[in-house]
Amino acid sequence: MSSTSKPKETATVDFPHLVSVCVTAAQGAAGIIQDVYDKGSLGLVEKGNGVDAFTGRPMDDPQTEADRRAEAFIMSILKSQVPNLDPTTIIGEESEEGETEASQSEAVGAVRDCRASRGSPVFSESVLSAWPDELKSVATSSLALWVDPLDGTSEFTRGNLGSVTTLIGISVNGRATAGVIVRLVDRETFVGVVGVGVFRTCPGGAVEALSRPDRVKSNIEDGLDICTTRTKSAPVVVAAFENLGPKTRTLKHGGAGRKFLDVLTGVADAYLYPRPGTKRWDSCAGEALLATLGGNVTDAIGDPIEYNIYRKSTDRLTNGADPEHPYLNGYGLVASIRGPHFHYKVLLPAVYKAVAEHAPQFPLSDDRRPNAAS
């Protein structure tokens, strides 16, 4: 007697619920970070070897108790509140970059933090009713979550809390689709889903739907405001700014999340970092927010950033990553809010020229080289 087996059902996740849980997790993590800071003992360790591999200059890469506890908390929230989620699809900075083990007291603290957390609805009924059908229930196999529990650790250790954020990005089929950024200094939360909208929530509970900033209507001939790294510059970065012209104003801040928020809220026209240094967990949340409002994010050679999980040596590496650093944005990061024409016809040509001169190892295609049109 023959029997036919039933096809295996595809595991799915309620996507609005997943995003809401990410908001709860990021907000709780921000509280933990503030608690560690207020206590004054940061539990500081150094993750790297003290050298910037791109420039050869000395570089700090610190990690604190706040990084470790905040990530443990986020992981606990996600695993407990979204049981269908495959834990291997959650990529956290601290668990990827060594020095991952929290001390026993830190682990106990993370469990206590998780139990004390109380989530609240993030999206109104009107928003949920207009939610795109393709993002209501999403196959777990198509998901990846990118977690930076404390973005701007160097700034945190210096007491510059204005540049500290918590980042959780969600990619679907390799594309940044949803993002949560919590700003530590005022606990404002920015959450966005492509095709849905971007919302800002304040600690008091007020929710505001964001639109494209008024800056996009201003004349670029009056000069641009571009944000970039405060501490990790390089000749290719300097040259890109020079190529944009003498009216370009440079805003230097620490923390990728801070710079993405500057672009999102109209403080800056773009975020320029055409060199290795950021990772996928630095960029996914911010890219999703910008993309939702019509912004653009690419690497410095003009390619979209792919957010796929690297599981084995035969998996394809993208955007300048390597087997030792599979989530490195190795060809840099260029983010803007003014739309495709500005991004591809104004911003990137200045970057291409700088890359051709100062980063010849980047595989800039012939049609993007400065002399391509001549």
Protein backbone atom coordinates (compact mmCIF):
# COMPACT_ATOMS: atom_id res chain seq x y z
CA MET A 1 0.00 0.00 0.00
CA SER A 2 1.48 3.29 -1.02
CA SER A 3 1.14 6.46 0.94
CA THR A 4 1.79 10.03 0.03
CA SER A 5 3.40 12.38 2.47
CA LYS A 6 1.94 15.81 2.99
CA PRO A 7 4.13 18.64 1.73
CA LYS A 8 6.00 20.35 4.51
CA GLU A 9 4.41 23.64 5.47
CA THR A 10 6.52 26.75 5.14
CA ALA A 11 7.19 28.39 8.50
CA THR A 12 6.06 31.99 8.54
CA VAL A 13 6.19 35.00 10.84
CA ASP A 14 3.52 37.63 11.45
CA PHE A 15 5.56 40.56 10.14
CA PRO A 16 3.72 43.44 11.87
CA HIS A 17 4.12 41.55 15.14
CA LEU A 18 7.82 40.96 14.46
CA VAL A 19 8.41 44.67 13.85
CA SER A 20 6.49 45.56 17.01
CA VAL A 21 8.60 43.13 19.04
CA CYS A 22 11.75 44.71 17.58
CA VAL A 23 10.52 48.08 18.83
CA THR A 24 9.96 46.68 22.32
CA ALA A 25 13.39 45.03 22.24
CA ALA A 26 15.22 48.15 21.06
CA GLN A 27 13.49 50.39 23.59
CA GLY A 28 14.29 47.97 26.40
CA ALA A 29 17.90 47.77 25.26
CA ALA A 30 18.18 51.56 25.40
CA GLY A 31 17.02 51.44 29.01
CA ILE A 32 19.71 48.90 29.83
CA ILE A 33 22.38 51.03 28.16
CA GLN A 34 21.35 54.07 30.17
CA ASP A 35 21.34 52.00 33.37
CA VAL A 36 24.90 50.79 32.78
CA TYR A 37 26.04 54.32 31.99
CA ASP A 38 24.42 55.74 35.11
CA LYS A 39 26.14 53.16 37.30
CA GLY A 40 29.50 54.33 35.98
CA SER A 41 31.22 50.95 35.57
CA LEU A 42 31.22 50.18 31.85
CA GLY A 43 33.02 46.81 31.87
CA LEU A 44 35.16 47.90 28.93
CA VAL A 45 37.09 45.44 26.73
CA GLU A 46 38.81 45.88 23.36
CA LYS A 47 37.50 43.72 20.49
CA GLY A 48 39.97 44.52 17.72
CA ASN A 49 43.74 44.60 17.37
CA GLY A 50 43.92 48.39 17.65
CA VAL A 51 44.68 48.99 13.95
CA ASP A 52 42.44 50.26 11.15
CA ALA A 53 42.98 47.66 8.40
CA PHE A 54 42.15 50.18 5.65
CA THR A 55 44.48 53.01 6.72
CA GLY A 56 46.92 51.26 9.05
CA ARG A 57 46.29 53.88 11.72
CA PRO A 58 45.60 53.15 15.41
CA MET A 59 41.90 52.54 16.06
CA ASP A 60 39.74 51.77 19.08
CA ASP A 61 37.06 49.07 18.85
CA PRO A 62 35.61 48.91 22.35
CA GLN A 63 32.83 46.82 23.84
CA THR A 64 31.11 47.42 27.16
CA GLU A 65 28.79 45.67 29.59
CA ALA A 66 26.01 47.72 28.01
CA ASP A 67 26.73 46.20 24.56
CA ARG A 68 26.66 42.69 25.96
CA ARG A 69 23.60 43.06 28.17
CA ALA A 70 21.62 44.95 25.55
CA GLU A 71 22.27 42.29 22.91
CA ALA A 72 21.42 39.46 25.30
CA PHE A 73 18.16 41.25 26.10
CA ILE A 74 17.25 41.77 22.44
CA MET A 75 17.97 38.13 21.62
CA SER A 76 15.85 36.96 24.56
CA ILE A 77 12.91 39.15 23.58
CA LEU A 78 13.00 38.05 19.94
CA LYS A 79 13.27 34.35 20.74
CA SER A 80 10.53 34.40 23.37
CA GLN A 81 8.05 36.67 21.59
CA VAL A 82 8.52 35.34 18.03
CA PRO A 83 8.95 31.57 18.53
CA ASN A 84 8.69 30.81 14.79
CA LEU A 85 11.78 32.89 14.14
CA ASP A 86 14.88 30.86 13.28
CA PRO A 87 17.52 31.95 15.84
CA THR A 88 20.27 31.55 13.24
CA THR A 89 18.72 34.38 11.23
CA ILE A 90 19.40 36.91 14.02
CA ILE A 91 22.82 38.45 13.40
CA GLY A 92 24.09 40.50 16.33
CA GLU A 93 27.26 42.57 16.32
CA GLU A 94 28.57 41.29 19.63
CA SER A 95 27.87 37.62 18.89
CA GLU A 96 29.61 37.98 15.52
CA GLU A 97 32.73 39.84 16.63
CA GLY A 98 34.10 37.98 19.63
CA GLU A 99 34.02 38.79 23.35
CA THR A 100 30.43 37.63 23.19
CA GLU A 101 30.00 35.97 26.55
CA ALA A 102 28.30 38.06 29.16
CA SER A 103 29.48 37.50 32.70
CA GLN A 104 27.18 35.55 35.01
CA SER A 105 25.93 38.77 36.60
CA GLU A 106 25.37 40.31 33.16
CA ALA A 107 23.45 37.24 32.02
CA VAL A 108 21.25 37.32 35.12
CA GLY A 109 20.69 41.02 34.50
CA ALA A 110 19.63 40.38 30.91
CA VAL A 111 17.06 37.79 32.02
CA ARG A 112 15.72 40.21 34.62
CA ASP A 113 15.57 42.97 32.00
CA CYS A 114 13.64 40.69 29.64
CA ARG A 115 11.08 39.70 32.27
CA ALA A 116 10.54 43.33 33.23
CA SER A 117 9.85 44.44 29.67
CA ARG A 118 6.29 45.27 28.72
CA GLY A 119 5.50 45.89 25.09
CA SER A 120 2.69 48.03 23.72
CA PRO A 121 1.01 48.20 20.31
CA VAL A 122 3.16 50.10 17.82
CA PHE A 123 0.91 50.38 14.78
CA SER A 124 -2.61 51.79 14.75
CA GLU A 125 -5.53 49.85 13.32
CA SER A 126 -5.60 52.18 10.30
CA VAL A 127 -1.94 51.45 9.56
CA LEU A 128 -2.42 47.71 9.97
CA SER A 129 -5.48 47.74 7.70
CA ALA A 130 -3.38 49.28 4.91
CA TRP A 131 -0.42 46.94 5.44
CA PRO A 132 0.80 45.36 2.16
CA ASP A 133 -0.43 41.79 1.77
CA GLU A 134 3.05 40.52 0.88
CA LEU A 135 4.38 41.75 4.24
CA LYS A 136 1.62 40.47 6.50
CA SER A 137 3.01 36.95 6.78
CA VAL A 138 6.61 36.35 5.69
CA ALA A 139 8.48 33.07 5.30
CA THR A 140 11.09 32.70 8.02
CA SER A 141 13.55 31.41 5.43
CA SER A 142 13.48 34.81 3.70
CA LEU A 143 14.23 36.80 6.86
CA ALA A 144 17.38 38.09 8.49
CA LEU A 145 17.58 40.40 11.50
CA TRP A 146 20.57 42.71 11.95
CA VAL A 147 21.17 43.86 15.51
CA ASP A 148 23.55 46.53 16.76
CA PRO A 149 22.58 46.79 20.43
CA LEU A 150 24.74 49.86 21.05
CA ASP A 151 25.80 51.74 17.95
CA GLY A 152 28.45 54.32 18.76
CA THR A 153 30.28 52.49 21.54
CA SER A 154 33.33 54.76 21.28
CA GLU A 155 31.06 57.78 21.75
CA PHE A 156 29.35 56.03 24.66
CA THR A 157 32.66 55.53 26.47
CA ARG A 158 33.40 59.25 26.01
CA GLY A 159 30.02 60.30 27.40
CA ASN A 160 28.76 61.57 24.03
CA LEU A 161 25.31 60.03 24.36
CA GLY A 162 23.88 62.08 21.50
CA SER A 163 25.57 59.71 19.04
CA VAL A 164 24.40 56.48 20.70
CA THR A 165 21.55 54.46 19.19
CA THR A 166 20.14 50.94 19.22
CA LEU A 167 19.60 49.47 15.75
CA ILE A 168 17.48 46.53 14.59
CA GLY A 169 17.06 46.03 10.86
CA ILE A 170 15.00 43.37 9.11
CA SER A 171 15.79 42.20 5.60
CA VAL A 172 13.48 40.14 3.40
CA ASN A 173 15.12 38.22 0.56
CA GLY A 174 18.30 40.21 1.05
CA ARG A 175 16.76 43.69 0.95
CA ALA A 176 16.41 46.09 3.86
CA THR A 177 12.66 46.11 4.55
CA ALA A 178 12.05 47.32 8.10
CA GLY A 179 14.11 49.19 10.64
CA VAL A 180 14.02 50.39 14.23
CA ILE A 181 16.35 53.04 15.64
CA VAL A 182 16.10 54.20 19.25
CA ARG A 183 18.04 57.35 20.10
CA LEU A 184 19.44 57.04 23.62
CA VAL A 185 19.61 60.72 24.55
CA ASP A 186 15.85 61.35 24.29
CA ARG A 187 14.50 57.78 23.82
CA GLU A 188 12.76 58.73 20.61
CA THR A 189 12.04 55.67 18.48
CA PHE A 190 12.02 55.67 14.68
CA VAL A 191 10.36 52.67 13.05
CA GLY A 192 9.77 52.17 9.35
CA VAL A 193 8.52 49.50 6.97
CA VAL A 194 8.90 49.81 3.21
CA GLY A 195 5.44 50.25 1.71
CA VAL A 196 3.94 51.21 5.08
CA GLY A 197 5.63 54.35 6.41
CA VAL A 198 8.03 55.78 8.96
CA PHE A 199 6.85 56.67 12.45
CA ARG A 200 8.48 58.49 15.33
CA THR A 201 7.37 57.69 18.86
CA CYS A 202 8.24 59.70 21.95
CA PRO A 203 8.64 58.34 25.49
CA GLY A 204 5.24 59.82 26.40
CA GLY A 205 3.56 57.64 23.78
CA ALA A 206 2.81 60.20 21.04
CA VAL A 207 3.25 58.80 17.53
CA GLU A 208 4.03 60.93 14.47
CA ALA A 209 4.08 59.77 10.86
CA LEU A 210 7.14 61.20 9.12
CA SER A 211 7.32 62.47 5.57
CA ARG A 212 10.29 63.47 3.44
CA PRO A 213 12.07 66.44 5.03
CA ASP A 214 11.68 69.92 3.54
CA ARG A 215 15.39 69.83 2.72
CA VAL A 216 14.65 67.82 -0.43
CA LYS A 217 12.98 70.93 -1.92
CA SER A 218 16.00 73.20 -1.40
CA ASN A 219 18.41 74.14 -4.19
CA ILE A 220 21.57 72.03 -4.13
CA GLU A 221 23.42 74.97 -5.72
CA ASP A 222 23.23 76.64 -2.30
CA GLY A 223 25.45 73.88 -0.93
CA LEU A 224 24.97 70.49 0.65
CA ASP A 225 25.20 69.27 4.22
CA ILE A 226 26.88 65.86 4.28
CA CYS A 227 27.60 63.85 7.40
CA THR A 228 30.49 61.46 7.80
CA THR A 229 32.73 59.80 10.34
CA ARG A 230 34.21 61.79 13.18
CA THR A 231 37.18 59.50 13.81
CA LYS A 232 37.82 57.19 10.82
CA SER A 233 38.48 59.40 7.85
CA ALA A 234 40.74 58.48 4.93
CA PRO A 235 41.96 60.15 1.71
CA VAL A 236 39.04 58.66 -0.25
CA VAL A 237 36.57 60.25 2.17
CA VAL A 238 38.26 63.67 2.02
CA ALA A 239 38.44 63.55 -1.78
CA ALA A 240 34.75 62.68 -2.13
CA PHE A 241 33.82 65.79 -0.16
CA GLU A 242 36.19 67.96 -2.19
CA ASN A 243 34.66 66.63 -5.41
CA LEU A 244 31.22 67.81 -4.29
CA GLY A 245 32.42 71.41 -4.39
CA PRO A 246 33.48 74.19 -2.02
CA LYS A 247 29.95 74.88 -0.77
CA THR A 248 29.66 71.41 0.74
CA ARG A 249 29.39 71.52 4.52
CA THR A 250 30.78 68.60 6.51
CA LEU A 251 28.98 67.28 9.60
CA LYS A 252 31.18 64.90 11.60
CA HIS A 253 29.55 62.59 14.11
CA GLY A 254 30.16 59.18 15.63
CA GLY A 255 27.73 56.31 15.18
CA ALA A 256 26.11 55.15 11.94
CA GLY A 257 22.64 55.33 13.49
CA ARG A 258 23.12 58.99 14.39
CA LYS A 259 24.13 59.81 10.83
CA PHE A 260 21.22 57.89 9.30
CA LEU A 261 18.84 59.84 11.54
CA ASP A 262 20.46 63.11 10.47
CA VAL A 263 19.63 62.24 6.86
CA LEU A 264 16.16 60.92 7.67
CA THR A 265 15.13 64.03 9.58
CA GLY A 266 16.63 66.59 7.21
CA VAL A 267 19.67 67.64 9.21
CA ALA A 268 21.82 66.41 6.31
CA ASP A 269 21.38 65.66 2.62
CA ALA A 270 23.50 62.53 2.71
CA TYR A 271 25.77 60.26 4.72
CA LEU A 272 29.07 59.60 3.00
CA TYR A 273 31.49 56.87 4.08
CA PRO A 274 33.23 55.49 0.97
CA ARG A 275 35.60 53.14 2.78
CA PRO A 276 35.38 49.88 4.76
CA GLY A 277 34.30 50.14 8.36
CA THR A 278 30.55 49.71 8.71
CA LYS A 279 28.81 46.34 8.83
CA ARG A 280 25.36 45.19 7.74
CA TRP A 281 24.01 45.68 11.27
CA ASP A 282 25.11 49.33 11.05
CA SER A 283 23.21 49.98 7.83
CA CYS A 284 20.11 47.76 7.56
CA ALA A 285 17.81 49.66 9.91
CA GLY A 286 18.80 53.06 8.54
CA GLU A 287 18.50 51.91 4.94
CA ALA A 288 14.98 50.61 5.52
CA LEU A 289 13.92 53.93 7.05
CA LEU A 290 15.41 55.98 4.22
CA ALA A 291 14.06 53.69 1.50
CA THR A 292 10.57 54.03 2.96
CA LEU A 293 10.74 57.81 2.46
CA GLY A 294 12.22 57.61 -1.04
CA GLY A 295 15.88 57.75 -0.08
CA ASN A 296 18.70 55.63 -1.47
CA VAL A 297 21.54 53.58 -0.02
CA THR A 298 24.35 51.94 -2.00
CA ASP A 299 27.98 51.12 -1.56
CA ALA A 300 30.65 53.44 -2.96
CA ILE A 301 30.73 51.66 -6.33
CA GLY A 302 26.99 52.19 -6.79
CA ASP A 303 25.71 48.70 -6.00
CA PRO A 304 22.82 47.97 -3.62
CA ILE A 305 23.77 46.47 -0.28
CA GLU A 306 22.69 42.85 0.07
CA TYR A 307 21.61 41.54 3.46
CA ASN A 308 22.01 37.79 3.10
CA ILE A 309 23.22 35.42 5.79
CA TYR A 310 26.62 33.83 5.21
CA ARG A 311 26.38 30.20 6.35
CA LYS A 312 29.15 28.37 4.52
CA SER A 313 32.25 29.00 2.45
CA THR A 314 30.38 28.43 -0.81
CA ASP A 315 27.92 31.25 -0.11
CA ARG A 316 28.32 34.37 -2.22
CA LEU A 317 30.00 37.34 -0.55
CA THR A 318 28.85 40.82 -1.56
CA ASN A 319 29.72 44.50 -1.22
CA GLY A 320 33.40 43.92 -0.48
CA ALA A 321 32.91 41.41 2.33
CA ASP A 322 35.36 38.55 2.88
CA PRO A 323 35.13 35.14 4.60
CA GLU A 324 36.64 36.52 7.79
CA HIS A 325 34.27 39.51 7.78
CA PRO A 326 31.22 38.30 5.81
CA TYR A 327 29.03 41.23 6.85
CA LEU A 328 31.51 44.02 6.18
CA ASN A 329 30.38 46.88 3.94
CA GLY A 330 33.79 46.61 2.35
CA TYR A 331 33.08 49.04 -0.46
CA GLY A 332 31.74 51.67 1.88
CA LEU A 333 28.36 53.27 2.34
CA VAL A 334 26.55 56.14 0.61
CA ALA A 335 23.08 57.15 1.85
CA SER A 336 20.86 60.04 0.76
CA ILE A 337 17.30 61.36 1.03
CA ARG A 338 16.86 63.54 -2.08
CA GLY A 339 15.89 60.76 -4.48
CA PRO A 340 17.50 58.66 -7.22
CA HIS A 341 18.61 61.52 -9.50
CA PHE A 342 20.54 63.20 -6.71
CA HIS A 343 22.00 59.94 -5.45
CA TYR A 344 23.12 58.51 -8.79
CA LYS A 345 23.79 61.66 -10.84
CA VAL A 346 25.14 64.10 -8.24
CA LEU A 347 26.46 62.22 -5.22
CA LEU A 348 27.91 59.02 -6.66
CA PRO A 349 29.95 60.61 -9.50
CA ALA A 350 31.88 62.57 -6.85
CA VAL A 351 32.41 59.33 -4.94
CA TYR A 352 33.45 57.39 -8.07
CA LYS A 353 36.14 59.97 -8.81
CA ALA A 354 37.50 59.68 -5.27
CA VAL A 355 37.40 55.89 -5.39
CA ALA A 356 39.23 55.75 -8.72
CA GLU A 357 42.05 57.85 -7.29
CA HIS A 358 42.29 56.71 -3.69
CA ALA A 359 40.72 53.22 -3.52
CA PRO A 360 41.79 51.50 -6.75
CA GLN A 361 41.17 48.11 -5.14
CA PHE A 362 37.43 48.78 -5.31
CA PRO A 363 36.02 47.10 -8.47
CA LEU A 364 34.56 50.23 -10.03
CA SER A 365 32.97 49.30 -13.36
CA ASP A 366 34.22 51.02 -16.51
CA ASP A 367 30.94 52.85 -17.10
CA ARG A 368 31.19 54.44 -13.64
CA ARG A 369 34.75 55.67 -13.96
CA PRO A 370 35.24 59.46 -14.21
CA ASN A 371 36.30 59.30 -17.87
CA ALA A 372 33.47 57.00 -18.94
CA ALA A 373 31.50 59.79 -20.62
CA SER A 374 34.47 61.31 -22.41
